[in-house]
Amino acid sequence: MSGTLPVVQQWAAGVRYFEANAVLTGGPDCPDNLPIQDLADRTEYLKAQLEAKTGQATEAESGIASLASQAEALAGTDDAKIMTALKVKAVIDALVAAAPGTLDTLNELAAALGDDPNFATTMANALAGKEDKTALKGGAYTDKTAYNYDSTQDRLMKTGDFGKGTKSMSVTSTDANLIDVSATYFMSNLAANIPVAEYGWLEYSPNDVGGSARQVYQTVSNRLFHRAATSGVWSSWTEVFNTLNSPALLSVNGWQKLLGGFILQAGSYSVSTTNETYNLTFPTTFPNAVIGVFPIQYTSNTTVSSEANAVVFNQTTSGCSINMRNGYAPEDVKWFAIGY
């Protein structure tokens, strides 16, 4: 035996065989080599077909695909390998196991997204309405404040700066006239130019031109004061009256200070004899002047035959004398005074 058969890449229609009485002879084309020739041609054909498919299989082309490991499947970085059904199930199970209990089904995920079939569009529209980061950085707002009293123009204020949104900045001892940064401060009772020597909160708000500003001061005992500055000169402090510090004495002999400056006073006294002169002292002294005092005799006698006449004299800012002529005794005299 010697030599090799010439082979052709073809698929023989059938494999020939020897007849029972066939005489076998040698040679590549002799009858005894014909079955072997058919099988060799088929083998060569199959080999060529297999070699033509050794490239990676794709969606468009058939080929030989290798199996991916579970780690490769989880990484999701190889598009040429395939996974078995078991590995696909393992990857899905791992994804579900890593999700919160309320988001481990497709139905729960849909509910969390508000059952919005256009969720991506909805989010894109919402994000489009946000301020552009580049515009904030390079436009009107250049930077955030560098420290809690940074007053550089066009900077974005952080929460807590200038005493807003956090605790007031403490000032142990200073001069309220020298504060020039807009903020809220907690002042010591030793500070100069506060309205009263009492701990409290000072709020300062300046104008950017002209040296005008305002200050509001509230004490820990809840008294409230305010003042303003013009051309850098501060006015006097003015106290705001309320239900806690109303300027009044509410009693039988009392007084009331009105916002316009007028003071009303009223009271009562008793006379024991007719034509009696009574030296009245006002509950509080009028700071400037008395406009008038008006006494009236009160009597329970319903059968009076004469009318009492009141005479007021010796009038000062602290009191006066009252004589009720032709009055009744013993009775009461009611009086009312106004001044400023």
Protein backbone atom coordinates (compact mmCIF):
# COMPACT_ATOMS: atom_id res chain seq x y z
CA MET A 1 0.00 0.00 0.00
CA SER A 2 1.38 3.40 -0.99
CA GLY A 3 0.25 6.97 -1.92
CA THR A 4 -2.83 8.96 -0.93
CA LEU A 5 -6.17 9.35 -2.64
CA PRO A 6 -6.90 12.70 -4.27
CA VAL A 7 -9.97 14.17 -2.53
CA VAL A 8 -12.56 16.68 -3.71
CA GLN A 9 -14.68 18.96 -1.50
CA GLN A 10 -18.01 17.47 -2.44
CA TRP A 11 -20.84 15.61 -0.89
CA ALA A 12 -21.22 12.30 -2.71
CA ALA A 13 -24.82 11.31 -3.39
CA GLY A 14 -24.08 7.94 -1.88
CA VAL A 15 -21.23 5.72 -0.76
CA ARG A 16 -20.50 2.95 -3.25
CA TYR A 17 -19.77 -0.63 -2.15
CA PHE A 18 -18.20 -3.80 -3.58
CA GLU A 19 -20.30 -6.41 -5.33
CA ALA A 20 -20.09 -9.89 -3.94
CA ASN A 21 -18.08 -11.12 -6.91
CA ALA A 22 -16.00 -7.96 -7.41
CA VAL A 23 -12.36 -8.33 -8.29
CA LEU A 24 -10.31 -5.83 -6.29
CA THR A 25 -7.40 -4.10 -7.91
CA GLY A 26 -5.11 -1.32 -6.76
CA GLY A 27 -4.78 2.29 -7.93
CA PRO A 28 -6.51 5.54 -7.05
CA ASP A 29 -9.26 5.06 -9.63
CA CYS A 30 -9.69 1.33 -9.24
CA PRO A 31 -13.01 -0.05 -8.03
CA ASP A 32 -11.69 -1.13 -4.66
CA ASN A 33 -10.95 2.52 -3.73
CA LEU A 34 -14.31 3.96 -4.77
CA PRO A 35 -16.09 3.64 -1.36
CA ILE A 36 -13.08 5.12 0.36
CA GLN A 37 -13.03 7.94 -2.22
CA ASP A 38 -16.68 8.80 -1.48
CA LEU A 39 -16.04 8.93 2.26
CA ALA A 40 -12.87 10.99 1.82
CA ASP A 41 -14.70 13.51 -0.40
CA ARG A 42 -17.47 13.86 2.19
CA THR A 43 -14.94 14.33 4.97
CA GLU A 44 -13.15 17.05 3.02
CA TYR A 45 -16.49 18.74 2.31
CA LEU A 46 -17.51 18.70 5.98
CA LYS A 47 -14.08 19.99 6.99
CA ALA A 48 -14.39 22.93 4.59
CA GLN A 49 -17.90 23.72 5.83
CA LEU A 50 -16.75 23.66 9.46
CA GLU A 51 -13.73 25.86 8.78
CA ALA A 52 -15.99 28.38 7.02
CA LYS A 53 -18.02 28.71 10.26
CA THR A 54 -15.19 29.17 12.72
CA GLY A 55 -15.93 32.95 13.04
CA GLN A 56 -17.99 34.34 15.96
CA ALA A 57 -21.72 33.99 15.52
CA THR A 58 -23.67 37.28 15.20
CA GLU A 59 -27.29 38.24 14.80
CA ALA A 60 -26.74 38.44 11.02
CA GLU A 61 -24.27 35.58 10.52
CA SER A 62 -24.16 32.04 11.82
CA GLY A 63 -21.01 30.83 13.46
CA ILE A 64 -19.58 29.21 16.55
CA ALA A 65 -20.50 30.86 19.84
CA SER A 66 -18.89 30.13 23.17
CA LEU A 67 -20.67 30.04 26.53
CA ALA A 68 -20.28 32.90 28.98
CA SER A 69 -19.52 32.35 32.65
CA GLN A 70 -21.90 33.74 35.29
CA ALA A 71 -19.38 36.48 36.14
CA GLU A 72 -19.22 37.48 32.46
CA ALA A 73 -23.00 37.45 32.30
CA LEU A 74 -23.25 39.73 35.35
CA ALA A 75 -20.60 42.08 33.93
CA GLY A 76 -22.50 42.32 30.64
CA THR A 77 -19.45 43.42 28.64
CA ASP A 78 -19.18 40.59 26.03
CA ASP A 79 -21.62 40.60 23.10
CA ALA A 80 -20.19 37.44 21.45
CA LYS A 81 -20.87 34.84 24.14
CA ILE A 82 -24.14 33.17 25.00
CA MET A 83 -25.64 32.04 28.30
CA THR A 84 -27.54 28.93 29.18
CA ALA A 85 -31.05 29.21 30.56
CA LEU A 86 -29.73 28.30 34.02
CA LYS A 87 -27.22 31.17 34.00
CA VAL A 88 -29.87 33.62 32.75
CA LYS A 89 -32.09 32.61 35.65
CA ALA A 90 -29.19 33.01 38.12
CA VAL A 91 -28.48 36.56 36.87
CA ILE A 92 -32.16 37.54 37.16
CA ASP A 93 -32.38 36.01 40.64
CA ALA A 94 -29.31 38.00 41.73
CA LEU A 95 -30.86 41.22 40.41
CA VAL A 96 -34.12 40.59 42.26
CA ALA A 97 -32.30 39.65 45.46
CA ALA A 98 -30.38 42.97 45.41
CA ALA A 99 -33.53 45.08 45.03
CA PRO A 100 -35.52 46.44 48.01
CA GLY A 101 -38.51 44.33 48.97
CA THR A 102 -40.93 46.90 47.57
CA LEU A 103 -39.15 47.07 44.19
CA ASP A 104 -38.37 43.43 43.36
CA THR A 105 -41.12 42.89 40.79
CA LEU A 106 -41.87 44.59 37.49
CA ASN A 107 -45.28 45.64 38.83
CA GLU A 108 -43.70 47.33 41.85
CA LEU A 109 -41.17 49.10 39.62
CA ALA A 110 -43.98 50.38 37.40
CA ALA A 111 -45.89 51.64 40.44
CA ALA A 112 -42.78 53.42 41.71
CA LEU A 113 -42.51 55.23 38.38
CA GLY A 114 -46.12 56.36 38.65
CA ASP A 115 -47.24 53.98 35.87
CA ASP A 116 -45.86 56.56 33.46
CA PRO A 117 -45.31 54.97 30.02
CA ASN A 118 -43.29 58.03 29.00
CA PHE A 119 -41.17 58.21 32.15
CA ALA A 120 -37.98 59.05 30.24
CA THR A 121 -39.68 61.97 28.49
CA THR A 122 -41.22 63.15 31.75
CA MET A 123 -37.83 63.16 33.48
CA ALA A 124 -36.15 64.87 30.52
CA ASN A 125 -38.74 67.65 30.58
CA ALA A 126 -38.36 68.07 34.35
CA LEU A 127 -34.58 68.27 34.09
CA ALA A 128 -34.86 70.76 31.23
CA GLY A 129 -36.61 73.13 33.62
CA LYS A 130 -33.68 73.22 36.05
CA GLU A 131 -31.22 76.09 36.08
CA ASP A 132 -28.26 75.43 33.82
CA LYS A 133 -25.13 74.69 35.85
CA THR A 134 -22.90 76.48 33.37
CA ALA A 135 -25.11 79.55 33.48
CA LEU A 136 -24.97 79.59 37.25
CA LYS A 137 -21.20 79.20 37.30
CA GLY A 138 -20.32 81.64 34.54
CA GLY A 139 -23.33 83.92 34.52
CA ALA A 140 -24.89 86.25 37.06
CA TYR A 141 -23.97 83.98 40.00
CA THR A 142 -20.26 83.37 40.03
CA ASP A 143 -19.63 81.65 43.35
CA LYS A 144 -21.05 80.90 46.77
CA THR A 145 -20.21 83.03 49.79
CA ALA A 146 -16.76 82.33 51.20
CA TYR A 147 -17.66 82.97 54.87
CA ASN A 148 -20.78 83.66 56.91
CA TYR A 149 -20.67 87.44 56.52
CA ASP A 150 -19.31 87.60 52.96
CA SER A 151 -21.12 90.50 51.26
CA THR A 152 -19.38 90.23 47.86
CA GLN A 153 -21.85 91.20 45.14
CA ASP A 154 -23.55 88.41 43.08
CA ARG A 155 -22.45 85.53 45.30
CA LEU A 156 -24.88 82.77 46.25
CA MET A 157 -25.61 82.81 49.99
CA LYS A 158 -25.27 79.51 51.84
CA THR A 159 -27.76 78.54 54.53
CA GLY A 160 -26.52 79.92 57.82
CA ASP A 161 -24.74 82.95 56.39
CA PHE A 162 -25.56 86.34 57.94
CA GLY A 163 -27.37 84.59 60.78
CA LYS A 164 -30.20 83.58 58.45
CA GLY A 165 -31.48 80.04 58.79
CA THR A 166 -29.25 79.21 61.74
CA LYS A 167 -28.25 80.60 65.14
CA SER A 168 -27.52 84.30 65.43
CA MET A 169 -23.88 85.32 65.53
CA SER A 170 -22.85 86.15 69.11
CA VAL A 171 -21.24 89.49 69.91
CA THR A 172 -20.00 89.60 73.49
CA SER A 173 -19.27 93.33 73.77
CA THR A 174 -19.25 95.88 70.98
CA ASP A 175 -20.82 99.09 69.76
CA ALA A 176 -24.13 98.74 67.90
CA ASN A 177 -23.21 101.85 65.92
CA LEU A 178 -20.17 100.07 64.43
CA ILE A 179 -21.97 97.01 63.06
CA ASP A 180 -21.93 97.31 59.27
CA VAL A 181 -22.63 93.78 57.95
CA SER A 182 -26.20 92.72 57.27
CA ALA A 183 -26.92 89.94 59.76
CA THR A 184 -28.68 89.01 62.98
CA TYR A 185 -26.50 89.23 66.11
CA PHE A 186 -26.96 88.21 69.73
CA MET A 187 -25.77 91.16 71.78
CA SER A 188 -24.31 91.38 75.27
CA ASN A 189 -25.91 93.63 77.85
CA LEU A 190 -22.52 95.41 77.93
CA ALA A 191 -22.72 96.51 74.29
CA ALA A 192 -22.73 100.25 73.61
CA ASN A 193 -25.61 102.06 71.89
CA ILE A 194 -28.22 99.36 72.43
CA PRO A 195 -31.58 100.71 73.67
CA VAL A 196 -31.44 99.08 77.13
CA ALA A 197 -28.70 97.26 79.03
CA GLU A 198 -30.20 93.85 78.36
CA TYR A 199 -29.19 90.82 76.32
CA GLY A 200 -31.02 90.60 73.01
CA TRP A 201 -31.03 90.13 69.23
CA LEU A 202 -29.92 92.93 66.91
CA GLU A 203 -30.89 92.79 63.23
CA TYR A 204 -28.99 95.11 60.92
CA SER A 205 -30.10 95.93 57.34
CA PRO A 206 -28.12 98.54 55.36
CA ASN A 207 -28.89 100.29 52.10
CA ASP A 208 -26.20 100.06 49.43
CA VAL A 209 -25.98 103.84 48.96
CA GLY A 210 -26.43 106.98 51.03
CA GLY A 211 -25.40 105.60 54.42
CA SER A 212 -28.97 104.68 55.38
CA ALA A 213 -29.75 101.58 57.42
CA ARG A 214 -32.08 100.19 60.04
CA GLN A 215 -31.68 98.23 63.27
CA VAL A 216 -34.24 96.24 65.22
CA TYR A 217 -33.47 95.12 68.77
CA GLN A 218 -35.48 92.58 70.76
CA THR A 219 -34.52 91.89 74.36
CA VAL A 220 -34.71 88.53 76.05
CA SER A 221 -37.61 89.94 78.10
CA ASN A 222 -39.51 90.55 74.82
CA ARG A 223 -39.19 94.33 74.54
CA LEU A 224 -38.87 95.57 70.96
CA PHE A 225 -37.02 98.68 69.72
CA HIS A 226 -36.09 100.08 66.31
CA ARG A 227 -34.11 102.96 64.83
CA ALA A 228 -32.82 104.20 61.47
CA ALA A 229 -29.68 105.89 60.16
CA THR A 230 -29.53 108.65 57.56
CA SER A 231 -26.19 109.65 56.05
CA GLY A 232 -24.53 107.47 58.66
CA VAL A 233 -26.18 109.19 61.67
CA TRP A 234 -28.38 107.01 63.87
CA SER A 235 -31.70 108.23 65.27
CA SER A 236 -32.79 107.54 68.84
CA TRP A 237 -34.25 104.16 69.68
CA THR A 238 -38.06 103.94 69.64
CA GLU A 239 -39.82 101.25 71.64
CA VAL A 240 -42.74 99.37 70.15
CA PHE A 241 -45.55 99.04 72.67
CA ASN A 242 -47.55 95.85 72.91
CA THR A 243 -49.71 93.93 75.37
CA LEU A 244 -46.67 93.28 77.57
CA ASN A 245 -45.46 96.86 77.92
CA SER A 246 -48.50 98.99 77.13
CA PRO A 247 -47.90 102.52 78.58
CA ALA A 248 -50.87 102.58 80.89
CA LEU A 249 -51.96 102.22 84.50
CA LEU A 250 -55.29 100.48 84.64
CA SER A 251 -56.82 101.32 88.03
CA VAL A 252 -59.44 103.63 89.59
CA ASN A 253 -56.88 106.41 89.29
CA GLY A 254 -55.03 105.55 86.10
CA TRP A 255 -53.63 106.82 82.81
CA GLN A 256 -53.06 105.86 79.17
CA LYS A 257 -50.40 107.14 76.76
CA LEU A 258 -51.59 107.39 73.15
CA LEU A 259 -49.35 106.84 70.12
CA GLY A 260 -49.65 110.45 69.03
CA GLY A 261 -48.23 111.68 72.34
CA PHE A 262 -51.39 112.62 74.20
CA ILE A 263 -51.89 111.30 77.73
CA LEU A 264 -55.33 110.59 79.19
CA GLN A 265 -55.79 110.42 82.98
CA ALA A 266 -58.89 109.73 85.06
CA GLY A 267 -59.80 109.07 88.66
CA SER A 268 -62.16 109.52 91.55
CA TYR A 269 -62.13 110.97 95.06
CA SER A 270 -64.70 111.50 97.83
CA VAL A 271 -65.87 114.74 99.46
CA SER A 272 -67.25 114.82 102.98
CA THR A 273 -68.63 118.38 103.05
CA THR A 274 -70.15 120.73 100.51
CA ASN A 275 -67.95 123.35 98.89
CA GLU A 276 -64.92 121.28 99.85
CA THR A 277 -61.61 121.95 98.06
CA TYR A 278 -59.61 118.86 97.07
CA ASN A 279 -55.92 118.95 96.11
CA LEU A 280 -55.60 116.38 93.31
CA THR A 281 -52.29 114.72 92.36
CA PHE A 282 -52.32 113.12 88.92
CA PRO A 283 -51.42 109.41 88.80
CA THR A 284 -48.55 110.36 86.46
CA THR A 285 -47.02 113.73 85.67
CA PHE A 286 -47.67 115.21 82.23
CA PRO A 287 -44.21 115.69 80.63
CA ASN A 288 -45.06 118.98 78.93
CA ALA A 289 -48.46 120.53 79.64
CA VAL A 290 -52.03 119.98 80.81
CA ILE A 291 -54.77 120.85 78.32
CA GLY A 292 -57.64 120.57 80.76
CA VAL A 293 -59.15 118.91 83.84
CA PHE A 294 -62.87 118.06 83.88
CA PRO A 295 -64.46 117.10 87.23
CA ILE A 296 -68.03 115.83 87.60
CA GLN A 297 -69.81 115.13 90.88
CA TYR A 298 -71.41 111.76 91.08
CA THR A 299 -74.49 111.49 93.35
CA SER A 300 -77.06 108.87 94.14
CA ASN A 301 -79.57 111.56 95.18
CA THR A 302 -82.38 111.58 92.59
CA THR A 303 -84.26 114.56 94.11
CA VAL A 304 -81.57 117.22 93.75
CA SER A 305 -82.82 120.80 93.56
CA SER A 306 -79.55 122.53 92.68
CA GLU A 307 -76.61 121.89 90.37
CA ALA A 308 -73.02 121.51 91.54
CA ASN A 309 -70.43 123.79 89.95
CA ALA A 310 -66.82 122.63 89.63
CA VAL A 311 -63.97 125.09 89.90
CA VAL A 312 -60.43 124.00 88.91
CA PHE A 313 -57.44 126.10 89.94
CA ASN A 314 -53.73 125.83 90.82
CA GLN A 315 -53.31 123.59 87.76
CA THR A 316 -49.82 122.18 87.09
CA THR A 317 -48.43 119.20 85.18
CA SER A 318 -48.53 117.14 88.37
CA GLY A 319 -51.95 118.10 89.80
CA CYS A 320 -54.56 120.76 90.57
CA SER A 321 -57.14 121.94 93.13
CA ILE A 322 -60.87 121.25 92.66
CA ASN A 323 -63.77 122.92 94.50
CA MET A 324 -67.29 121.55 94.04
CA ARG A 325 -69.64 124.44 94.87
CA ASN A 326 -73.26 123.70 95.74
CA GLY A 327 -72.35 120.02 95.68
CA TYR A 328 -73.61 117.19 97.77
CA ALA A 329 -71.81 115.50 100.61
CA PRO A 330 -70.74 112.88 101.25
CA GLU A 331 -70.42 111.96 97.55
CA ASP A 332 -67.77 111.09 94.96
CA VAL A 333 -66.18 113.34 92.34
CA LYS A 334 -65.13 111.78 89.03
CA TRP A 335 -62.48 113.62 87.02
CA PHE A 336 -60.82 113.39 83.60
CA ALA A 337 -57.65 115.15 82.39
CA ILE A 338 -55.81 115.37 79.07
CA GLY A 339 -52.31 116.62 78.31
CA TYR A 340 -49.04 115.69 76.70
